[in-house]
C-alpha atoms as a PDB file:
ATOM      1  CA  UNK A   1      -9.174  -0.639  24.615  1.00  0.00           C
ATOM      2  CA  UNK A   2      -5.237  -1.061  24.751  1.00  0.00           C
ATOM      3  CA  UNK A   3      -4.199  -4.659  25.148  1.00  0.00           C
ATOM      4  CA  UNK A   4      -0.789  -4.712  26.348  1.00  0.00           C
ATOM      5  CA  UNK A   5      -0.004  -8.181  27.304  1.00  0.00           C
ATOM      6  CA  UNK A   6      -1.819 -11.504  27.151  1.00  0.00           C
ATOM      7  CA  UNK A   7      -0.838 -14.554  29.277  1.00  0.00           C
ATOM      8  CA  UNK A   8      -1.529 -18.258  28.316  1.00  0.00           C
ATOM      9  CA  UNK A   9      -1.408 -21.276  30.818  1.00  0.00           C
ATOM     10  CA  UNK A  10      -1.206 -24.424  29.406  1.00  0.00           C
ATOM     11  CA  UNK A  11      -2.577 -27.692  31.528  1.00  0.00           C
ATOM     12  CA  UNK A  12      -0.526 -29.635  33.303  1.00  0.00           C
ATOM     13  CA  UNK A  13      -2.687 -32.941  33.663  1.00  0.00           C
ATOM     14  CA  UNK A  14      -2.514 -33.852  30.244  1.00  0.00           C
ATOM     15  CA  UNK A  15      -2.703 -32.759  26.335  1.00  0.00           C
ATOM     16  CA  UNK A  16      -0.371 -29.863  27.034  1.00  0.00           C
ATOM     17  CA  UNK A  17       1.250 -30.341  23.821  1.00  0.00           C
ATOM     18  CA  UNK A  18      -1.790 -29.410  21.819  1.00  0.00           C
ATOM     19  CA  UNK A  19      -1.216 -25.536  22.441  1.00  0.00           C
ATOM     20  CA  UNK A  20       1.728 -26.147  19.974  1.00  0.00           C
ATOM     21  CA  UNK A  21       1.578 -23.637  16.966  1.00  0.00           C
ATOM     22  CA  UNK A  22      -1.885 -21.943  18.597  1.00  0.00           C
ATOM     23  CA  UNK A  23      -2.246 -18.375  17.092  1.00  0.00           C
ATOM     24  CA  UNK A  24      -2.867 -15.158  19.053  1.00  0.00           C
ATOM     25  CA  UNK A  25      -5.087 -12.721  16.756  1.00  0.00           C
ATOM     26  CA  UNK A  26      -5.800  -9.418  18.063  1.00  0.00           C
ATOM     27  CA  UNK A  27      -9.788  -8.258  16.018  1.00  0.00           C
ATOM     28  CA  UNK A  28      -8.676 -10.421  13.559  1.00  0.00           C
ATOM     29  CA  UNK A  29      -4.708  -9.353  13.454  1.00  0.00           C
ATOM     30  CA  UNK A  30      -2.361 -11.862  13.953  1.00  0.00           C
ATOM     31  CA  UNK A  31       0.047 -11.121  17.129  1.00  0.00           C
ATOM     32  CA  UNK A  32       2.105 -14.063  18.081  1.00  0.00           C
ATOM     33  CA  UNK A  33       2.111 -17.966  17.557  1.00  0.00           C
ATOM     34  CA  UNK A  34       2.459 -20.129  20.587  1.00  0.00           C
ATOM     35  CA  UNK A  35       6.021 -22.330  20.760  1.00  0.00           C
ATOM     36  CA  UNK A  36       4.975 -25.260  22.821  1.00  0.00           C
ATOM     37  CA  UNK A  37       8.030 -26.180  25.590  1.00  0.00           C
ATOM     38  CA  UNK A  38       7.889 -29.146  27.404  1.00  0.00           C
ATOM     39  CA  UNK A  39       7.124 -28.616  31.217  1.00  0.00           C
ATOM     40  CA  UNK A  40       6.723 -24.846  30.370  1.00  0.00           C
ATOM     41  CA  UNK A  41       3.078 -23.922  31.784  1.00  0.00           C
ATOM     42  CA  UNK A  42       2.993 -19.990  31.268  1.00  0.00           C
ATOM     43  CA  UNK A  43       3.461 -18.403  27.899  1.00  0.00           C
ATOM     44  CA  UNK A  44       3.274 -14.673  27.712  1.00  0.00           C
ATOM     45  CA  UNK A  45       3.205 -12.034  25.079  1.00  0.00           C
ATOM     46  CA  UNK A  46       3.859  -8.450  24.708  1.00  0.00           C
ATOM     47  CA  UNK A  47       0.911  -6.758  22.633  1.00  0.00           C
ATOM     48  CA  UNK A  48       0.744  -3.336  22.935  1.00  0.00           C
ATOM     49  CA  UNK A  49      -1.978  -3.107  20.385  1.00  0.00           C
ATOM     50  CA  UNK A  50      -5.257  -1.363  20.570  1.00  0.00           C
ATOM     51  CA  UNK A  51      -8.127  -4.092  20.067  1.00  0.00           C
ATOM     52  CA  UNK A  52     -11.606  -4.993  21.380  1.00  0.00           C
ATOM     53  CA  UNK A  53     -11.805  -9.288  20.286  1.00  0.00           C
ATOM     54  CA  UNK A  54      -9.361 -11.777  21.234  1.00  0.00           C
ATOM     55  CA  UNK A  55      -8.905 -14.965  19.893  1.00  0.00           C
ATOM     56  CA  UNK A  56      -6.507 -18.191  20.223  1.00  0.00           C
ATOM     57  CA  UNK A  57      -7.023 -20.648  17.497  1.00  0.00           C
ATOM     58  CA  UNK A  58      -5.391 -23.803  16.609  1.00  0.00           C
ATOM     59  CA  UNK A  59      -5.432 -24.964  12.810  1.00  0.00           C
ATOM     60  CA  UNK A  60      -4.712 -28.834  12.656  1.00  0.00           C
ATOM     61  CA  UNK A  61      -5.930 -30.032  15.915  1.00  0.00           C
ATOM     62  CA  UNK A  62      -7.555 -29.346  19.080  1.00  0.00           C
ATOM     63  CA  UNK A  63      -6.848 -26.478  21.057  1.00  0.00           C
ATOM     64  CA  UNK A  64      -6.880 -26.949  24.931  1.00  0.00           C
ATOM     65  CA  UNK A  65      -5.080 -24.732  27.729  1.00  0.00           C
ATOM     66  CA  UNK A  66      -5.955 -24.005  30.946  1.00  0.00           C
ATOM     67  CA  UNK A  67      -6.466 -20.184  31.526  1.00  0.00           C
ATOM     68  CA  UNK A  68      -5.985 -17.013  29.599  1.00  0.00           C
ATOM     69  CA  UNK A  69      -5.290 -13.455  30.995  1.00  0.00           C
ATOM     70  CA  UNK A  70      -5.396 -10.542  29.048  1.00  0.00           C
ATOM     71  CA  UNK A  71      -3.899  -6.961  30.569  1.00  0.00           C
ATOM     72  CA  UNK A  72      -4.314  -3.560  29.376  1.00  0.00           C
ATOM     73  CA  UNK A  73      -5.930   0.022  29.886  1.00  0.00           C
ATOM     74  CA  UNK A  74      -8.755   2.168  28.489  1.00  0.00           C
ATOM     75  CA  UNK A  75      -6.648   5.267  28.550  1.00  0.00           C
ATOM     76  CA  UNK A  76      -4.735   5.719  25.109  1.00  0.00           C
ATOM     77  CA  UNK A  77      -1.157   7.113  25.387  1.00  0.00           C
ATOM     78  CA  UNK A  78      -0.855   7.417  29.435  1.00  0.00           C
ATOM     79  CA  UNK A  79       0.370   4.134  31.041  1.00  0.00           C
ATOM     80  CA  UNK A  80       0.209   2.384  27.614  1.00  0.00           C
ATOM     81  CA  UNK A  81       3.163   2.076  24.424  1.00  0.00           C
ATOM     82  CA  UNK A  82       1.187   4.824  22.517  1.00  0.00           C
ATOM     83  CA  UNK A  83       2.935   8.615  22.842  1.00  0.00           C
ATOM     84  CA  UNK A  84       0.474  11.000  24.159  1.00  0.00           C
ATOM     85  CA  UNK A  85       0.457  14.368  22.623  1.00  0.00           C
ATOM     86  CA  UNK A  86       2.116  16.896  23.748  1.00  0.00           C
ATOM     87  CA  UNK A  87       3.227  15.179  27.139  1.00  0.00           C
ATOM     88  CA  UNK A  88       5.224  12.651  25.566  1.00  0.00           C
ATOM     89  CA  UNK A  89       6.891  14.736  23.035  1.00  0.00           C
ATOM     90  CA  UNK A  90      10.009  16.940  23.071  1.00  0.00           C
ATOM     91  CA  UNK A  91      11.518  19.495  20.511  1.00  0.00           C
ATOM     92  CA  UNK A  92      15.566  19.563  20.938  1.00  0.00           C
ATOM     93  CA  UNK A  93      17.743  21.450  19.109  1.00  0.00           C
ATOM     94  CA  UNK A  94      20.939  20.414  20.841  1.00  0.00           C
ATOM     95  CA  UNK A  95      20.990  16.737  20.187  1.00  0.00           C
ATOM     96  CA  UNK A  96      19.156  13.557  21.221  1.00  0.00           C
ATOM     97  CA  UNK A  97      18.214  14.084  24.907  1.00  0.00           C
ATOM     98  CA  UNK A  98      18.327  11.072  27.254  1.00  0.00           C
ATOM     99  CA  UNK A  99      15.462   8.797  27.909  1.00  0.00           C
ATOM    100  CA  UNK A 100      13.633   9.641  24.661  1.00  0.00           C
ATOM    101  CA  UNK A 101      13.816   8.442  21.126  1.00  0.00           C
ATOM    102  CA  UNK A 102      13.658  10.855  17.976  1.00  0.00           C
ATOM    103  CA  UNK A 103      13.563  11.443  14.406  1.00  0.00           C
ATOM    104  CA  UNK A 104      16.446  14.082  13.224  1.00  0.00           C
ATOM    105  CA  UNK A 105      15.155  17.096  11.445  1.00  0.00           C
ATOM    106  CA  UNK A 106      17.339  18.034   8.548  1.00  0.00           C
ATOM    107  CA  UNK A 107      17.369  20.720   5.781  1.00  0.00           C
ATOM    108  CA  UNK A 108      19.678  22.297   2.912  1.00  0.00           C
ATOM    109  CA  UNK A 109      22.281  24.803   4.996  1.00  0.00           C
ATOM    110  CA  UNK A 110      20.478  27.734   4.598  1.00  0.00           C
ATOM    111  CA  UNK A 111      23.169  29.820   4.818  1.00  0.00           C
ATOM    112  CA  UNK A 112      25.508  26.957   4.679  1.00  0.00           C
ATOM    113  CA  UNK A 113      27.463  28.295   7.917  1.00  0.00           C
ATOM    114  CA  UNK A 114      24.305  27.266   9.549  1.00  0.00           C
ATOM    115  CA  UNK A 115      22.490  23.701   9.405  1.00  0.00           C
ATOM    116  CA  UNK A 116      20.141  21.306  11.318  1.00  0.00           C
ATOM    117  CA  UNK A 117      22.232  18.739  11.880  1.00  0.00           C
ATOM    118  CA  UNK A 118      21.235  18.616  15.975  1.00  0.00           C
ATOM    119  CA  UNK A 119      17.606  18.852  15.937  1.00  0.00           C
ATOM    120  CA  UNK A 120      15.326  16.460  16.615  1.00  0.00           C
ATOM    121  CA  UNK A 121      11.515  15.766  17.710  1.00  0.00           C
ATOM    122  CA  UNK A 122      11.448  12.918  19.749  1.00  0.00           C
ATOM    123  CA  UNK A 123       9.056  10.816  22.111  1.00  0.00           C
ATOM    124  CA  UNK A 124       9.384   9.100  25.620  1.00  0.00           C
ATOM    125  CA  UNK A 125      11.704   6.073  24.834  1.00  0.00           C
ATOM    126  CA  UNK A 126       9.510   3.920  27.571  1.00  0.00           C
ATOM    127  CA  UNK A 127       6.309   4.614  24.723  1.00  0.00           C
ATOM    128  CA  UNK A 128       6.047   2.881  21.269  1.00  0.00           C
ATOM    129  CA  UNK A 129       7.229   4.385  17.911  1.00  0.00           C
ATOM    130  CA  UNK A 130       4.514   6.506  16.817  1.00  0.00           C
ATOM    131  CA  UNK A 131       5.971   6.269  13.381  1.00  0.00           C
ATOM    132  CA  UNK A 132       6.930   9.832  12.649  1.00  0.00           C
ATOM    133  CA  UNK A 133       8.544  10.817   9.190  1.00  0.00           C
ATOM    134  CA  UNK A 134      10.556  14.221   8.652  1.00  0.00           C
ATOM    135  CA  UNK A 135       9.956  14.999   4.818  1.00  0.00           C
ATOM    136  CA  UNK A 136      11.814  18.013   3.221  1.00  0.00           C
ATOM    137  CA  UNK A 137      11.782  17.551  -0.344  1.00  0.00           C
ATOM    138  CA  UNK A 138       8.797  19.110  -1.702  1.00  0.00           C
ATOM    139  CA  UNK A 139       5.393  20.445  -0.195  1.00  0.00           C
ATOM    140  CA  UNK A 140       2.406  17.903  -0.297  1.00  0.00           C
ATOM    141  CA  UNK A 141      -1.503  18.191   0.599  1.00  0.00           C
ATOM    142  CA  UNK A 142      -3.261  17.074   3.401  1.00  0.00           C
ATOM    143  CA  UNK A 143      -6.648  15.869   3.244  1.00  0.00           C
ATOM    144  CA  UNK A 144      -9.194  15.129   5.673  1.00  0.00           C
ATOM    145  CA  UNK A 145     -10.532  11.887   6.853  1.00  0.00           C
ATOM    146  CA  UNK A 146     -14.359  11.358   6.117  1.00  0.00           C
ATOM    147  CA  UNK A 147     -16.211   8.621   7.738  1.00  0.00           C
ATOM    148  CA  UNK A 148     -17.705   5.783   5.675  1.00  0.00           C
ATOM    149  CA  UNK A 149     -21.129   4.496   6.598  1.00  0.00           C
ATOM    150  CA  UNK A 150     -21.396   0.673   6.019  1.00  0.00           C
ATOM    151  CA  UNK A 151     -20.731  -2.412   8.144  1.00  0.00           C
ATOM    152  CA  UNK A 152     -18.007  -2.188  10.775  1.00  0.00           C
ATOM    153  CA  UNK A 153     -14.855  -4.223   9.285  1.00  0.00           C
ATOM    154  CA  UNK A 154     -12.043  -5.796  10.904  1.00  0.00           C
ATOM    155  CA  UNK A 155     -10.055  -6.182   7.696  1.00  0.00           C
ATOM    156  CA  UNK A 156     -10.117  -3.881   4.559  1.00  0.00           C
ATOM    157  CA  UNK A 157      -8.024  -3.880   1.372  1.00  0.00           C
ATOM    158  CA  UNK A 158      -8.143  -1.873  -1.786  1.00  0.00           C
ATOM    159  CA  UNK A 159      -6.973  -3.312  -5.705  1.00  0.00           C
ATOM    160  CA  UNK A 160      -8.290  -2.916  -9.214  1.00  0.00           C
ATOM    161  CA  UNK A 161     -11.130  -5.758  -8.284  1.00  0.00           C
ATOM    162  CA  UNK A 162     -12.463  -2.759  -5.840  1.00  0.00           C
ATOM    163  CA  UNK A 163     -12.942  -2.378  -2.105  1.00  0.00           C
ATOM    164  CA  UNK A 164     -13.250  -5.658   0.035  1.00  0.00           C
ATOM    165  CA  UNK A 165     -13.744  -5.730   3.737  1.00  0.00           C
ATOM    166  CA  UNK A 166     -14.531  -8.764   6.031  1.00  0.00           C
ATOM    167  CA  UNK A 167     -16.307  -8.065   9.194  1.00  0.00           C
ATOM    168  CA  UNK A 168     -15.576  -9.206  13.022  1.00  0.00           C
ATOM    169  CA  UNK A 169     -17.940 -12.389  12.079  1.00  0.00           C
ATOM    170  CA  UNK A 170     -14.997 -13.083   9.123  1.00  0.00           C
ATOM    171  CA  UNK A 171     -18.087 -12.371   6.443  1.00  0.00           C
ATOM    172  CA  UNK A 172     -16.872 -10.904   2.906  1.00  0.00           C
ATOM    173  CA  UNK A 173     -18.546  -7.534   1.637  1.00  0.00           C
ATOM    174  CA  UNK A 174     -18.001  -5.639  -1.549  1.00  0.00           C
ATOM    175  CA  UNK A 175     -18.322  -1.889  -1.665  1.00  0.00           C
ATOM    176  CA  UNK A 176     -20.493  -1.259  -4.482  1.00  0.00           C
ATOM    177  CA  UNK A 177     -21.132   2.639  -4.126  1.00  0.00           C
ATOM    178  CA  UNK A 178     -20.427   5.106  -1.737  1.00  0.00           C
ATOM    179  CA  UNK A 179     -22.128   4.048   1.468  1.00  0.00           C
ATOM    180  CA  UNK A 180     -23.444   0.823  -0.358  1.00  0.00           C
ATOM    181  CA  UNK A 181     -21.750  -2.594   0.684  1.00  0.00           C
ATOM    182  CA  UNK A 182     -22.642  -6.094  -0.312  1.00  0.00           C
ATOM    183  CA  UNK A 183     -21.933  -9.348   1.630  1.00  0.00           C
ATOM    184  CA  UNK A 184     -20.699 -11.852  -0.289  1.00  0.00           C
ATOM    185  CA  UNK A 185     -20.455 -15.819   0.764  1.00  0.00           C
ATOM    186  CA  UNK A 186     -17.581 -17.554   2.618  1.00  0.00           C
ATOM    187  CA  UNK A 187     -15.365 -16.578   5.658  1.00  0.00           C
ATOM    188  CA  UNK A 188     -11.977 -15.383   6.063  1.00  0.00           C
ATOM    189  CA  UNK A 189      -9.833 -14.032   8.637  1.00  0.00           C
ATOM    190  CA  UNK A 190      -7.119 -11.943   6.176  1.00  0.00           C
ATOM    191  CA  UNK A 191      -7.785 -10.174   2.643  1.00  0.00           C
ATOM    192  CA  UNK A 192      -6.010  -8.624  -0.051  1.00  0.00           C
ATOM    193  CA  UNK A 193      -7.157  -7.791  -3.455  1.00  0.00           C
ATOM    194  CA  UNK A 194      -4.867  -7.639  -6.672  1.00  0.00           C
ATOM    195  CA  UNK A 195      -6.006  -6.253 -10.115  1.00  0.00           C
ATOM    196  CA  UNK A 196      -8.417  -8.819 -10.804  1.00  0.00           C
ATOM    197  CA  UNK A 197      -8.380 -11.130  -7.762  1.00  0.00           C
ATOM    198  CA  UNK A 198      -9.086 -11.413  -4.271  1.00  0.00           C
ATOM    199  CA  UNK A 199      -7.121 -13.482  -1.986  1.00  0.00           C
ATOM    200  CA  UNK A 200      -7.742 -14.817   1.533  1.00  0.00           C
ATOM    201  CA  UNK A 201      -6.961 -16.835   4.327  1.00  0.00           C
ATOM    202  CA  UNK A 202      -9.526 -18.725   6.641  1.00  0.00           C
ATOM    203  CA  UNK A 203      -9.440 -19.277  10.206  1.00  0.00           C
ATOM    204  CA  UNK A 204      -7.845 -22.773   9.484  1.00  0.00           C
ATOM    205  CA  UNK A 205      -4.892 -21.528   7.562  1.00  0.00           C
ATOM    206  CA  UNK A 206      -6.204 -22.480   4.183  1.00  0.00           C
ATOM    207  CA  UNK A 207      -5.540 -20.131   1.146  1.00  0.00           C
ATOM    208  CA  UNK A 208      -8.794 -19.198  -1.142  1.00  0.00           C
ATOM    209  CA  UNK A 209      -9.046 -17.044  -4.402  1.00  0.00           C
ATOM    210  CA  UNK A 210     -11.752 -15.552  -6.396  1.00  0.00           C
ATOM    211  CA  UNK A 211     -12.537 -13.461  -9.125  1.00  0.00           C
ATOM    212  CA  UNK A 212     -14.739 -10.266  -8.664  1.00  0.00           C
ATOM    213  CA  UNK A 213     -18.101 -12.021  -9.838  1.00  0.00           C
ATOM    214  CA  UNK A 214     -16.786 -15.582  -9.316  1.00  0.00           C
ATOM    215  CA  UNK A 215     -16.271 -18.600  -6.533  1.00  0.00           C
ATOM    216  CA  UNK A 216     -14.020 -19.019  -4.250  1.00  0.00           C
ATOM    217  CA  UNK A 217     -11.441 -21.533  -5.224  1.00  0.00           C
ATOM    218  CA  UNK A 218      -8.990 -23.446  -2.467  1.00  0.00           C
ATOM    219  CA  UNK A 219      -5.313 -22.791  -3.885  1.00  0.00           C
ATOM    220  CA  UNK A 220      -2.098 -24.980  -2.939  1.00  0.00           C
ATOM    221  CA  UNK A 221      -0.626 -24.212   0.392  1.00  0.00           C
ATOM    222  CA  UNK A 222      -1.496 -24.113   4.227  1.00  0.00           C
ATOM    223  CA  UNK A 223      -1.172 -22.461   7.721  1.00  0.00           C
ATOM    224  CA  UNK A 224      -1.542 -19.058   6.153  1.00  0.00           C
ATOM    225  CA  UNK A 225      -1.818 -16.248   8.589  1.00  0.00           C
ATOM    226  CA  UNK A 226      -1.481 -13.020   6.049  1.00  0.00           C
ATOM    227  CA  UNK A 227      -1.034 -13.011   2.235  1.00  0.00           C
ATOM    228  CA  UNK A 228       0.144 -10.217  -0.075  1.00  0.00           C
ATOM    229  CA  UNK A 229      -0.618  -9.233  -3.446  1.00  0.00           C
ATOM    230  CA  UNK A 230       1.374  -7.387  -6.089  1.00  0.00           C
END
């Protein structure tokens, strides 16, 4: 489903400050961190993300709240932040049309008297940016997607230490061979793979690292949401 908005209602009777710094996740991916304000009892967050599992977590204290409302649609494109082809797209050869967001389509002048300076590929400005990129430098090959047989994953990372994944229950998996995944001990939310090491953040914001065949060791730091390894 397409999750558009998440509304969180705080308690009015007591303990409202315990909502401070709670994090919102959609399918294990960070969306927002709640910033508590005194006498504010409704916090609304625009999500515009595809997902099925929504979690609100507190890292260093008890989580207390009154109610959570989630809004969305099962129709991807129509009535949601993702533009739908072809209805939400438009080609323009006379500049950027009103009500549309666009990327310029450019080429070297051939001949020099004629250029592509007024050509745009556009999408409905009320929709999300689809991430289009115009590339005119050289040819590049396009390969087809192949469905991988294995457990459902919430996060996958690839590096010198191999292909690793985390399922929706926060269990670790290593891809031993094509269509063969082996479960490893431990729990995590976000995963990164370097040349020789695997890094993760767990639900409590703690950071752990392991070698391909080694054990998890806790590293310095806290309040980790995502981690990057180069």
